[in-house]
Amino acid sequence: MSETAAPAEPGHLSTPVPATMPSAPTGRVPGSLVAAVISYLILLLAFGALYFSWPALQTRLPSSFGPIPLAVPWWGALGAVIGSLYGIFFHNQNWKCSYDIWHYTRPLVGAAMGMVAFFAYLLLVAVSGSKASPGGSIAYYLAAFVVGNSDALFHQLIQKISGTLFSSKDSAPAPTS
């Protein structure tokens, strides 16, 4: 399957899109999609408010999932939902239905990308030699939000991590002509 570059939205990097996706807009954003994304936002904000205002919930929920603070996937999901809302507002009149499923799954994908960003942040701190405070660092949450908001940024992060982990210090760059 060949890939073509999708036109970049202002403030977003272009991401390869399979050539089989429709290139022409198909109309307006489905109302059910708008309702779902707004519902995601309301649920995330309500959960956040409930968590911080109800001490019993804080004691019943774990503060982390293994090494990952509970707030990291929350911030990743929030970033993803904000990104979806941006796309919906920006493309309301020229909607491509091929992106519907992408928007329906954004909170879960954003949470997962936020967790990967958390580990990437820890790797960056370890490589740089500085010390990060485990848990409660706003840098973790900001990284999760930003990466959850931008698929292109997430893919760049993965490429940089791959290059850092799997490139040899002895390998020279390929000659260019």
N, C-alpha and C. Protein backbone atom coordinates (compact mmCIF):
# COMPACT_ATOMS: atom_id res chain seq x y z
N MET A 1 0.85 -1.16 0.00
CA MET A 1 0.00 0.00 0.00
C MET A 1 0.90 1.23 0.00
N SER A 2 0.66 2.12 -0.92
CA SER A 2 1.48 3.33 -0.96
C SER A 2 0.93 4.36 0.01
N GLU A 3 1.81 5.27 0.41
CA GLU A 3 1.39 6.30 1.35
C GLU A 3 1.64 7.66 0.73
N THR A 4 0.78 8.59 1.05
CA THR A 4 0.95 9.97 0.62
C THR A 4 0.90 10.84 1.85
N ALA A 5 1.47 12.01 1.75
CA ALA A 5 1.45 12.92 2.90
C ALA A 5 0.12 13.66 2.94
N ALA A 6 -0.50 13.64 4.11
CA ALA A 6 -1.76 14.36 4.29
C ALA A 6 -1.45 15.84 4.46
N PRO A 7 -2.35 16.71 4.00
CA PRO A 7 -2.11 18.13 4.23
C PRO A 7 -2.07 18.41 5.73
N ALA A 8 -1.11 19.21 6.13
CA ALA A 8 -0.95 19.51 7.55
C ALA A 8 -1.93 20.58 7.99
N GLU A 9 -2.50 20.37 9.16
CA GLU A 9 -3.34 21.39 9.77
C GLU A 9 -2.42 22.43 10.37
N PRO A 10 -2.86 23.66 10.49
CA PRO A 10 -2.00 24.66 11.13
C PRO A 10 -1.63 24.19 12.54
N GLY A 11 -0.35 24.23 12.84
CA GLY A 11 0.12 23.83 14.16
C GLY A 11 0.36 22.34 14.30
N HIS A 12 0.08 21.56 13.26
CA HIS A 12 0.28 20.12 13.33
C HIS A 12 1.24 19.69 12.24
N LEU A 13 1.98 18.62 12.51
CA LEU A 13 2.90 18.07 11.54
C LEU A 13 2.14 17.12 10.63
N SER A 14 2.58 16.97 9.40
CA SER A 14 1.89 16.05 8.50
C SER A 14 2.27 14.62 8.86
N THR A 15 1.32 13.72 8.68
CA THR A 15 1.50 12.31 8.98
C THR A 15 1.14 11.53 7.72
N PRO A 16 1.93 10.50 7.36
CA PRO A 16 1.56 9.72 6.18
C PRO A 16 0.18 9.09 6.37
N VAL A 17 -0.61 9.13 5.33
CA VAL A 17 -1.95 8.57 5.34
C VAL A 17 -2.03 7.57 4.21
N PRO A 18 -2.56 6.36 4.45
CA PRO A 18 -2.68 5.40 3.37
C PRO A 18 -3.44 6.01 2.19
N ALA A 19 -2.96 5.72 0.97
CA ALA A 19 -3.54 6.30 -0.23
C ALA A 19 -4.98 5.82 -0.47
N THR A 20 -5.41 4.76 0.20
CA THR A 20 -6.76 4.26 -0.02
C THR A 20 -7.83 5.08 0.68
N MET A 21 -7.43 5.97 1.59
CA MET A 21 -8.41 6.81 2.27
C MET A 21 -8.95 7.84 1.28
N PRO A 22 -10.23 8.20 1.43
CA PRO A 22 -10.77 9.18 0.51
C PRO A 22 -10.06 10.52 0.65
N SER A 23 -9.76 11.14 -0.47
CA SER A 23 -9.06 12.41 -0.42
C SER A 23 -10.02 13.59 -0.44
N ALA A 24 -11.24 13.34 -0.86
CA ALA A 24 -12.21 14.43 -0.93
C ALA A 24 -13.05 14.46 0.34
N PRO A 25 -13.39 15.66 0.81
CA PRO A 25 -14.27 15.76 1.98
C PRO A 25 -15.62 15.11 1.69
N THR A 26 -16.22 14.56 2.71
CA THR A 26 -17.50 13.86 2.54
C THR A 26 -18.66 14.59 3.19
N GLY A 27 -18.45 15.77 3.74
CA GLY A 27 -19.56 16.50 4.34
C GLY A 27 -19.24 17.02 5.71
N ARG A 28 -20.27 17.10 6.52
CA ARG A 28 -20.13 17.62 7.88
C ARG A 28 -19.80 16.51 8.87
N VAL A 29 -19.28 16.92 10.00
CA VAL A 29 -18.96 15.98 11.08
C VAL A 29 -20.25 15.35 11.58
N PRO A 30 -20.29 14.02 11.74
CA PRO A 30 -21.50 13.39 12.28
C PRO A 30 -21.80 13.88 13.69
N GLY A 31 -23.05 14.17 13.95
CA GLY A 31 -23.45 14.64 15.28
C GLY A 31 -23.11 13.65 16.37
N SER A 32 -23.20 12.35 16.07
CA SER A 32 -22.87 11.34 17.08
C SER A 32 -21.40 11.41 17.47
N LEU A 33 -20.54 11.77 16.52
CA LEU A 33 -19.12 11.90 16.82
C LEU A 33 -18.86 13.11 17.71
N VAL A 34 -19.50 14.22 17.38
CA VAL A 34 -19.36 15.43 18.20
C VAL A 34 -19.83 15.13 19.63
N ALA A 35 -20.97 14.45 19.74
CA ALA A 35 -21.51 14.11 21.07
C ALA A 35 -20.55 13.19 21.82
N ALA A 36 -19.96 12.22 21.13
CA ALA A 36 -19.04 11.30 21.79
C ALA A 36 -17.80 12.03 22.30
N VAL A 37 -17.22 12.89 21.48
CA VAL A 37 -15.99 13.57 21.88
C VAL A 37 -16.27 14.56 23.02
N ILE A 38 -17.38 15.26 22.95
CA ILE A 38 -17.74 16.17 24.05
C ILE A 38 -18.03 15.36 25.32
N SER A 39 -18.65 14.19 25.17
CA SER A 39 -18.89 13.32 26.33
C SER A 39 -17.58 12.87 26.95
N TYR A 40 -16.60 12.51 26.08
CA TYR A 40 -15.29 12.13 26.60
C TYR A 40 -14.71 13.27 27.44
N LEU A 41 -14.79 14.48 26.92
CA LEU A 41 -14.24 15.63 27.63
C LEU A 41 -14.94 15.83 28.98
N ILE A 42 -16.26 15.76 28.96
CA ILE A 42 -17.02 15.93 30.21
C ILE A 42 -16.66 14.84 31.21
N LEU A 43 -16.57 13.60 30.75
CA LEU A 43 -16.23 12.49 31.65
C LEU A 43 -14.82 12.64 32.23
N LEU A 44 -13.88 13.01 31.40
CA LEU A 44 -12.51 13.20 31.89
C LEU A 44 -12.44 14.32 32.92
N LEU A 45 -13.09 15.45 32.62
CA LEU A 45 -13.07 16.57 33.56
C LEU A 45 -13.82 16.23 34.84
N ALA A 46 -14.94 15.52 34.71
CA ALA A 46 -15.71 15.13 35.90
C ALA A 46 -14.91 14.16 36.77
N PHE A 47 -14.23 13.21 36.13
CA PHE A 47 -13.41 12.28 36.90
C PHE A 47 -12.29 13.02 37.62
N GLY A 48 -11.63 13.95 36.92
CA GLY A 48 -10.57 14.72 37.54
C GLY A 48 -11.07 15.53 38.73
N ALA A 49 -12.22 16.19 38.55
CA ALA A 49 -12.79 16.99 39.65
C ALA A 49 -13.20 16.10 40.81
N LEU A 50 -13.82 14.97 40.51
CA LEU A 50 -14.24 14.04 41.54
C LEU A 50 -13.05 13.48 42.31
N TYR A 51 -12.00 13.13 41.58
CA TYR A 51 -10.82 12.57 42.21
C TYR A 51 -10.20 13.55 43.21
N PHE A 52 -10.11 14.82 42.83
CA PHE A 52 -9.47 15.79 43.71
C PHE A 52 -10.38 16.34 44.80
N SER A 53 -11.69 16.19 44.62
CA SER A 53 -12.60 16.73 45.64
C SER A 53 -13.15 15.67 46.59
N TRP A 54 -12.92 14.41 46.28
CA TRP A 54 -13.45 13.33 47.11
C TRP A 54 -12.30 12.47 47.64
N PRO A 55 -11.85 12.73 48.86
CA PRO A 55 -10.70 11.99 49.42
C PRO A 55 -10.90 10.48 49.45
N ALA A 56 -12.14 10.02 49.61
CA ALA A 56 -12.38 8.57 49.64
C ALA A 56 -12.00 7.92 48.32
N LEU A 57 -12.20 8.63 47.22
CA LEU A 57 -11.83 8.09 45.91
C LEU A 57 -10.30 8.00 45.78
N GLN A 58 -9.62 8.98 46.31
CA GLN A 58 -8.16 8.97 46.27
C GLN A 58 -7.58 7.79 47.05
N THR A 59 -8.23 7.42 48.14
CA THR A 59 -7.73 6.29 48.93
C THR A 59 -8.09 4.95 48.29
N ARG A 60 -9.19 4.90 47.54
CA ARG A 60 -9.62 3.64 46.92
C ARG A 60 -8.89 3.34 45.61
N LEU A 61 -8.52 4.38 44.87
CA LEU A 61 -7.81 4.17 43.61
C LEU A 61 -6.30 4.15 43.87
N PRO A 62 -5.59 3.32 43.14
CA PRO A 62 -4.13 3.34 43.31
C PRO A 62 -3.57 4.66 42.75
N SER A 63 -2.48 5.12 43.32
CA SER A 63 -1.87 6.36 42.83
C SER A 63 -1.05 6.11 41.57
N SER A 64 -0.78 4.82 41.29
CA SER A 64 -0.03 4.49 40.08
C SER A 64 -0.41 3.10 39.60
N PHE A 65 -0.09 2.85 38.35
CA PHE A 65 -0.21 1.52 37.76
C PHE A 65 1.22 1.06 37.52
N GLY A 66 1.76 0.31 38.47
CA GLY A 66 3.18 -0.02 38.41
C GLY A 66 3.96 1.27 38.54
N PRO A 67 4.86 1.54 37.61
CA PRO A 67 5.65 2.77 37.72
C PRO A 67 4.94 4.02 37.15
N ILE A 68 3.78 3.84 36.54
CA ILE A 68 3.10 4.95 35.86
C ILE A 68 2.11 5.63 36.79
N PRO A 69 2.32 6.92 37.08
CA PRO A 69 1.36 7.65 37.92
C PRO A 69 -0.03 7.66 37.26
N LEU A 70 -1.07 7.55 38.06
CA LEU A 70 -2.45 7.51 37.56
C LEU A 70 -2.77 8.70 36.66
N ALA A 71 -2.21 9.86 36.95
CA ALA A 71 -2.53 11.06 36.17
C ALA A 71 -1.93 11.03 34.77
N VAL A 72 -0.92 10.23 34.50
CA VAL A 72 -0.28 10.22 33.18
C VAL A 72 -1.25 9.79 32.09
N PRO A 73 -1.93 8.63 32.19
CA PRO A 73 -2.89 8.30 31.12
C PRO A 73 -4.06 9.28 31.06
N TRP A 74 -4.44 9.85 32.20
CA TRP A 74 -5.52 10.84 32.20
C TRP A 74 -5.13 12.05 31.36
N TRP A 75 -3.91 12.59 31.56
CA TRP A 75 -3.45 13.73 30.78
C TRP A 75 -3.28 13.37 29.31
N GLY A 76 -2.83 12.16 29.01
CA GLY A 76 -2.73 11.72 27.61
C GLY A 76 -4.09 11.67 26.94
N ALA A 77 -5.08 11.14 27.66
CA ALA A 77 -6.45 11.08 27.12
C ALA A 77 -7.02 12.48 26.94
N LEU A 78 -6.77 13.36 27.89
CA LEU A 78 -7.25 14.74 27.78
C LEU A 78 -6.63 15.44 26.57
N GLY A 79 -5.34 15.26 26.37
CA GLY A 79 -4.68 15.84 25.19
C GLY A 79 -5.28 15.32 23.90
N ALA A 80 -5.59 14.02 23.87
CA ALA A 80 -6.19 13.43 22.67
C ALA A 80 -7.57 13.99 22.40
N VAL A 81 -8.37 14.15 23.44
CA VAL A 81 -9.72 14.69 23.26
C VAL A 81 -9.66 16.15 22.79
N ILE A 82 -8.75 16.92 23.35
CA ILE A 82 -8.58 18.31 22.90
C ILE A 82 -8.16 18.32 21.43
N GLY A 83 -7.28 17.42 21.04
CA GLY A 83 -6.87 17.30 19.63
C GLY A 83 -8.04 16.94 18.73
N SER A 84 -8.89 16.04 19.19
CA SER A 84 -10.08 15.68 18.41
C SER A 84 -11.01 16.87 18.25
N LEU A 85 -11.22 17.60 19.32
CA LEU A 85 -12.09 18.78 19.24
C LEU A 85 -11.53 19.80 18.26
N TYR A 86 -10.22 19.99 18.27
CA TYR A 86 -9.59 20.89 17.31
C TYR A 86 -9.90 20.43 15.89
N GLY A 87 -9.69 19.14 15.62
CA GLY A 87 -9.97 18.61 14.28
C GLY A 87 -11.42 18.77 13.89
N ILE A 88 -12.32 18.53 14.82
CA ILE A 88 -13.75 18.67 14.54
C ILE A 88 -14.09 20.13 14.22
N PHE A 89 -13.58 21.06 15.01
CA PHE A 89 -13.87 22.47 14.77
C PHE A 89 -13.23 22.96 13.48
N PHE A 90 -12.00 22.54 13.22
CA PHE A 90 -11.27 23.02 12.06
C PHE A 90 -11.81 22.43 10.75
N HIS A 91 -12.29 21.20 10.79
CA HIS A 91 -12.73 20.51 9.57
C HIS A 91 -14.24 20.27 9.54
N ASN A 92 -15.00 21.01 10.27
CA ASN A 92 -16.43 20.78 10.37
C ASN A 92 -17.14 20.77 9.01
N GLN A 93 -16.79 21.65 8.12
CA GLN A 93 -17.48 21.75 6.83
C GLN A 93 -16.88 20.86 5.74
N ASN A 94 -15.68 20.35 5.95
CA ASN A 94 -15.05 19.50 4.93
C ASN A 94 -14.57 18.18 5.56
N TRP A 95 -15.47 17.51 6.24
CA TRP A 95 -15.15 16.32 7.02
C TRP A 95 -14.88 15.11 6.12
N LYS A 96 -13.88 14.32 6.52
CA LYS A 96 -13.59 13.04 5.86
C LYS A 96 -14.05 11.94 6.81
N CYS A 97 -15.01 11.16 6.40
CA CYS A 97 -15.57 10.12 7.28
C CYS A 97 -14.55 9.05 7.63
N SER A 98 -13.46 8.96 6.88
CA SER A 98 -12.43 7.97 7.19
C SER A 98 -11.76 8.24 8.54
N TYR A 99 -11.93 9.44 9.09
CA TYR A 99 -11.33 9.76 10.38
C TYR A 99 -12.28 9.52 11.55
N ASP A 100 -13.51 9.09 11.31
CA ASP A 100 -14.47 8.89 12.40
C ASP A 100 -13.92 7.94 13.46
N ILE A 101 -13.47 6.77 13.05
CA ILE A 101 -13.01 5.77 14.02
C ILE A 101 -11.80 6.30 14.79
N TRP A 102 -10.96 7.08 14.13
CA TRP A 102 -9.80 7.67 14.78
C TRP A 102 -10.26 8.54 15.95
N HIS A 103 -11.28 9.35 15.73
CA HIS A 103 -11.76 10.23 16.80
C HIS A 103 -12.48 9.46 17.90
N TYR A 104 -13.20 8.40 17.54
CA TYR A 104 -13.88 7.60 18.57
C TYR A 104 -12.88 6.91 19.50
N THR A 105 -11.71 6.57 19.00
CA THR A 105 -10.73 5.84 19.80
C THR A 105 -9.67 6.74 20.43
N ARG A 106 -9.70 8.01 20.20
CA ARG A 106 -8.66 8.93 20.65
C ARG A 106 -8.36 8.88 22.15
N PRO A 107 -9.34 8.86 23.03
CA PRO A 107 -8.98 8.85 24.46
C PRO A 107 -8.12 7.64 24.86
N LEU A 108 -8.46 6.47 24.34
CA LEU A 108 -7.67 5.28 24.66
C LEU A 108 -6.28 5.35 24.06
N VAL A 109 -6.20 5.76 22.81
CA VAL A 109 -4.91 5.88 22.14
C VAL A 109 -4.08 6.96 22.81
N GLY A 110 -4.70 8.08 23.15
CA GLY A 110 -3.98 9.16 23.82
C GLY A 110 -3.45 8.74 25.18
N ALA A 111 -4.23 7.96 25.92
CA ALA A 111 -3.77 7.46 27.21
C ALA A 111 -2.55 6.56 27.03
N ALA A 112 -2.62 5.68 26.03
CA ALA A 112 -1.48 4.78 25.76
C ALA A 112 -0.26 5.58 25.32
N MET A 113 -0.45 6.55 24.44
CA MET A 113 0.69 7.36 23.99
C MET A 113 1.26 8.18 25.15
N GLY A 114 0.41 8.64 26.04
CA GLY A 114 0.88 9.37 27.21
C GLY A 114 1.75 8.50 28.10
N MET A 115 1.39 7.23 28.23
CA MET A 115 2.20 6.32 29.05
C MET A 115 3.56 6.07 28.40
N VAL A 116 3.58 5.94 27.08
CA VAL A 116 4.87 5.79 26.38
C VAL A 116 5.71 7.06 26.56
N ALA A 117 5.06 8.22 26.49
CA ALA A 117 5.78 9.49 26.68
C ALA A 117 6.39 9.56 28.09
N PHE A 118 5.68 9.02 29.06
CA PHE A 118 6.21 8.97 30.43
C PHE A 118 7.53 8.20 30.47
N PHE A 119 7.54 7.02 29.85
CA PHE A 119 8.77 6.22 29.82
C PHE A 119 9.86 6.91 29.01
N ALA A 120 9.46 7.58 27.93
CA ALA A 120 10.44 8.33 27.13
C ALA A 120 11.06 9.45 27.96
N TYR A 121 10.25 10.11 28.76
CA TYR A 121 10.76 11.16 29.64
C TYR A 121 11.76 10.58 30.64
N LEU A 122 11.42 9.45 31.23
CA LEU A 122 12.34 8.81 32.17
C LEU A 122 13.64 8.43 31.49
N LEU A 123 13.55 7.93 30.24
CA LEU A 123 14.75 7.58 29.48
C LEU A 123 15.58 8.83 29.21
N LEU A 124 14.94 9.90 28.82
CA LEU A 124 15.64 11.15 28.56
C LEU A 124 16.37 11.64 29.81
N VAL A 125 15.71 11.56 30.95
CA VAL A 125 16.32 11.98 32.20
C VAL A 125 17.51 11.08 32.53
N ALA A 126 17.35 9.77 32.33
CA ALA A 126 18.44 8.83 32.63
C ALA A 126 19.64 9.08 31.72
N VAL A 127 19.39 9.32 30.45
CA VAL A 127 20.48 9.55 29.50
C VAL A 127 21.20 10.86 29.80
N SER A 128 20.44 11.86 30.22
CA SER A 128 21.04 13.17 30.49
C SER A 128 21.79 13.21 31.81
N GLY A 129 21.52 12.26 32.69
CA GLY A 129 22.21 12.21 33.97
C GLY A 129 21.55 13.03 35.07
N SER A 130 20.46 13.74 34.76
CA SER A 130 19.79 14.50 35.82
C SER A 130 18.85 13.59 36.59
N LYS A 131 18.30 14.11 37.66
CA LYS A 131 17.42 13.31 38.49
C LYS A 131 15.99 13.83 38.37
N ALA A 132 15.04 12.92 38.11
CA ALA A 132 13.63 13.29 38.02
C ALA A 132 12.94 12.84 39.30
N SER A 133 11.98 13.59 39.72
CA SER A 133 11.21 13.17 40.89
C SER A 133 10.15 12.18 40.42
N PRO A 134 10.18 10.94 40.90
CA PRO A 134 9.22 9.94 40.44
C PRO A 134 7.84 10.21 41.02
N GLY A 135 6.89 10.58 40.22
CA GLY A 135 5.53 10.83 40.69
C GLY A 135 5.33 12.28 41.06
N GLY A 136 4.33 12.88 40.49
CA GLY A 136 3.99 14.24 40.83
C GLY A 136 4.69 15.28 40.00
N SER A 137 5.57 14.90 39.10
CA SER A 137 6.28 15.87 38.28
C SER A 137 5.37 16.37 37.16
N ILE A 138 5.23 17.67 37.08
CA ILE A 138 4.38 18.25 36.05
C ILE A 138 4.92 17.95 34.65
N ALA A 139 6.21 17.72 34.54
CA ALA A 139 6.79 17.40 33.24
C ALA A 139 6.21 16.10 32.68
N TYR A 140 5.93 15.11 33.53
CA TYR A 140 5.32 13.86 33.09
C TYR A 140 3.95 14.15 32.48
N TYR A 141 3.18 14.95 33.17
CA TYR A 141 1.80 15.22 32.74
C TYR A 141 1.78 16.05 31.47
N LEU A 142 2.67 17.01 31.39
CA LEU A 142 2.75 17.83 30.18
C LEU A 142 3.17 16.99 28.98
N ALA A 143 4.15 16.12 29.17
CA ALA A 143 4.59 15.23 28.09
C ALA A 143 3.44 14.34 27.64
N ALA A 144 2.69 13.78 28.58
CA ALA A 144 1.55 12.92 28.24
C ALA A 144 0.49 13.70 27.46
N PHE A 145 0.18 14.91 27.90
CA PHE A 145 -0.82 15.73 27.23
C PHE A 145 -0.38 16.07 25.80
N VAL A 146 0.84 16.55 25.66
CA VAL A 146 1.32 16.99 24.34
C VAL A 146 1.39 15.82 23.37
N VAL A 147 1.92 14.70 23.81
CA VAL A 147 2.02 13.54 22.93
C VAL A 147 0.64 12.94 22.66
N GLY A 148 -0.25 12.94 23.65
CA GLY A 148 -1.62 12.48 23.41
C GLY A 148 -2.35 13.34 22.40
N ASN A 149 -1.97 14.61 22.33
CA ASN A 149 -2.61 15.55 21.42
C ASN A 149 -2.12 15.43 19.99
N SER A 150 -0.92 14.95 19.77
CA SER A 150 -0.32 14.95 18.43
C SER A 150 0.26 13.59 18.06
N ASP A 151 -0.40 12.91 17.14
CA ASP A 151 0.12 11.63 16.64
C ASP A 151 1.48 11.82 15.99
N ALA A 152 1.64 12.89 15.23
CA ALA A 152 2.89 13.12 14.52
C ALA A 152 4.04 13.28 15.51
N LEU A 153 3.81 14.00 16.59
CA LEU A 153 4.84 14.17 17.61
C LEU A 153 5.17 12.83 18.26
N PHE A 154 4.15 12.02 18.50
CA PHE A 154 4.36 10.69 19.08
C PHE A 154 5.25 9.85 18.17
N HIS A 155 4.97 9.87 16.85
CA HIS A 155 5.78 9.08 15.92
C HIS A 155 7.21 9.60 15.85
N GLN A 156 7.40 10.92 15.94
CA GLN A 156 8.76 11.47 15.99
C GLN A 156 9.48 11.01 17.26
N LEU A 157 8.77 10.99 18.37
CA LEU A 157 9.35 10.55 19.63
C LEU A 157 9.79 9.09 19.52
N ILE A 158 8.97 8.25 18.95
CA ILE A 158 9.31 6.84 18.78
C ILE A 158 10.54 6.69 17.90
N GLN A 159 10.62 7.45 16.83
CA GLN A 159 11.80 7.38 15.95
C GLN A 159 13.06 7.81 16.68
N LYS A 160 12.97 8.87 17.48
CA LYS A 160 14.15 9.34 18.21
C LYS A 160 14.58 8.33 19.27
N ILE A 161 13.61 7.73 19.94
CA ILE A 161 13.94 6.71 20.94
C ILE A 161 14.59 5.51 20.26
N SER A 162 14.02 5.08 19.14
CA SER A 162 14.59 3.95 18.40
C SER A 162 16.02 4.25 17.99
N GLY A 163 16.26 5.45 17.50
CA GLY A 163 17.61 5.83 17.11
C GLY A 163 18.57 5.85 18.28
N THR A 164 18.08 6.31 19.44
CA THR A 164 18.92 6.36 20.63
C THR A 164 19.23 4.97 21.15
N LEU A 165 18.24 4.11 21.18
CA LEU A 165 18.43 2.78 21.76
C LEU A 165 19.15 1.81 20.84
N PHE A 166 18.90 1.93 19.53
CA PHE A 166 19.36 0.88 18.63
C PHE A 166 20.43 1.31 17.65
N SER A 167 20.96 2.51 17.78
CA SER A 167 22.06 2.91 16.89
C SER A 167 23.37 2.72 17.63
N SER A 168 24.34 2.31 16.90
CA SER A 168 25.66 2.09 17.49
C SER A 168 26.45 3.40 17.44
N LYS A 169 27.24 3.65 18.45
CA LYS A 169 28.06 4.86 18.50
C LYS A 169 29.14 4.80 17.43
N ASP A 170 29.52 3.59 17.02
CA ASP A 170 30.58 3.43 16.03
C ASP A 170 30.09 3.60 14.60
N SER A 171 28.77 3.53 14.39
CA SER A 171 28.27 3.59 13.02
C SER A 171 28.35 5.02 12.51
N ALA A 172 28.86 5.14 11.31
CA ALA A 172 28.99 6.45 10.68
C ALA A 172 27.76 6.68 9.82
N PRO A 173 27.37 7.94 9.62
CA PRO A 173 26.22 8.20 8.75
C PRO A 173 26.54 7.78 7.32
N ALA A 174 25.50 7.39 6.60
CA ALA A 174 25.65 6.96 5.22
C ALA A 174 26.13 8.14 4.38
N PRO A 175 27.04 7.90 3.45
CA PRO A 175 27.52 9.00 2.61
C PRO A 175 26.40 9.52 1.71
N THR A 176 26.42 10.82 1.48
CA THR A 176 25.43 11.42 0.59
C THR A 176 26.13 11.90 -0.66
N SER A 177 25.41 11.92 -1.75
CA SER A 177 26.04 12.34 -2.99
C SER A 177 25.66 13.75 -3.36
